[in-house]
Amino acid sequence: MSETPHAVLAIDVYNDKIKHLLEPDSIPWNGRIQFHRCKIKNDSRLEGLIKCSDLVFY
């Protein structure tokens, strides 16, 4: 992330794995990570989040 202008949209049930990346003062890519807390099996927001993405990793 520090070498590219890319932005990340992260989706998970919990943010504990990436919590340190969401702390704005400690990272050079401040504001380029968007976290959405949801269960992918039954959350109606998932389809819209995928549609606005260029690339999806599972």
Protein backbone atom coordinates (compact mmCIF):
# COMPACT_ATOMS: atom_id res chain seq x y z
CA MET A 1 0.00 0.00 0.00
CA SER A 2 2.85 2.38 0.65
CA GLU A 3 4.07 1.93 -2.94
CA THR A 4 0.75 2.27 -4.80
CA PRO A 5 -2.32 4.52 -4.75
CA HIS A 6 -4.71 1.59 -4.26
CA ALA A 7 -7.50 1.60 -1.72
CA VAL A 8 -8.72 -1.45 0.19
CA LEU A 9 -12.26 -2.36 1.12
CA ALA A 10 -12.11 -5.06 3.81
CA ILE A 11 -15.08 -7.18 4.88
CA ASP A 12 -15.12 -9.53 7.87
CA VAL A 13 -17.14 -10.40 10.94
CA TYR A 14 -14.45 -8.95 13.21
CA ASN A 15 -11.73 -6.36 12.68
CA ASP A 16 -9.29 -7.87 15.19
CA LYS A 17 -6.96 -9.19 12.45
CA ILE A 18 -6.52 -5.77 10.82
CA LYS A 19 -7.27 -3.43 13.71
CA HIS A 20 -3.70 -2.10 13.67
CA LEU A 21 -4.13 -1.13 10.00
CA LEU A 22 -7.22 0.95 10.77
CA GLU A 23 -5.48 3.23 13.27
CA PRO A 24 -5.04 6.41 11.22
CA ASP A 25 -2.02 7.96 12.95
CA SER A 26 0.18 4.89 12.70
CA ILE A 27 0.03 4.20 8.95
CA PRO A 28 1.22 6.04 5.85
CA TRP A 29 -1.86 5.01 3.86
CA ASN A 30 -4.27 6.73 6.23
CA GLY A 31 -7.83 6.83 4.88
CA ARG A 32 -7.30 4.24 2.14
CA ILE A 33 -8.64 1.23 4.07
CA GLN A 34 -12.38 0.95 4.51
CA PHE A 35 -13.62 -1.77 6.88
CA HIS A 36 -17.15 -3.18 6.75
CA ARG A 37 -18.23 -5.54 9.51
CA CYS A 38 -20.70 -8.08 8.16
CA LYS A 39 -21.42 -11.77 7.78
CA ILE A 40 -21.00 -12.61 4.12
CA LYS A 41 -23.65 -15.33 4.15
CA ASN A 42 -26.62 -13.12 4.97
CA ASP A 43 -25.81 -9.42 4.65
CA SER A 44 -27.60 -7.51 1.90
CA ARG A 45 -24.73 -4.98 1.63
CA LEU A 46 -22.31 -7.58 0.27
CA GLU A 47 -23.50 -7.47 -3.35
CA GLY A 48 -23.16 -3.68 -3.51
CA LEU A 49 -19.69 -3.76 -1.95
CA ILE A 50 -18.52 -6.33 -4.49
CA LYS A 51 -19.98 -4.35 -7.40
CA CYS A 52 -18.01 -1.24 -6.47
CA SER A 53 -14.73 -3.21 -6.29
CA ASP A 54 -12.22 -3.77 -9.08
CA LEU A 55 -10.78 -6.95 -7.58
CA VAL A 56 -12.07 -9.38 -4.94
CA PHE A 57 -9.98 -11.76 -2.81
CA TYR A 58 -11.61 -14.40 -0.65
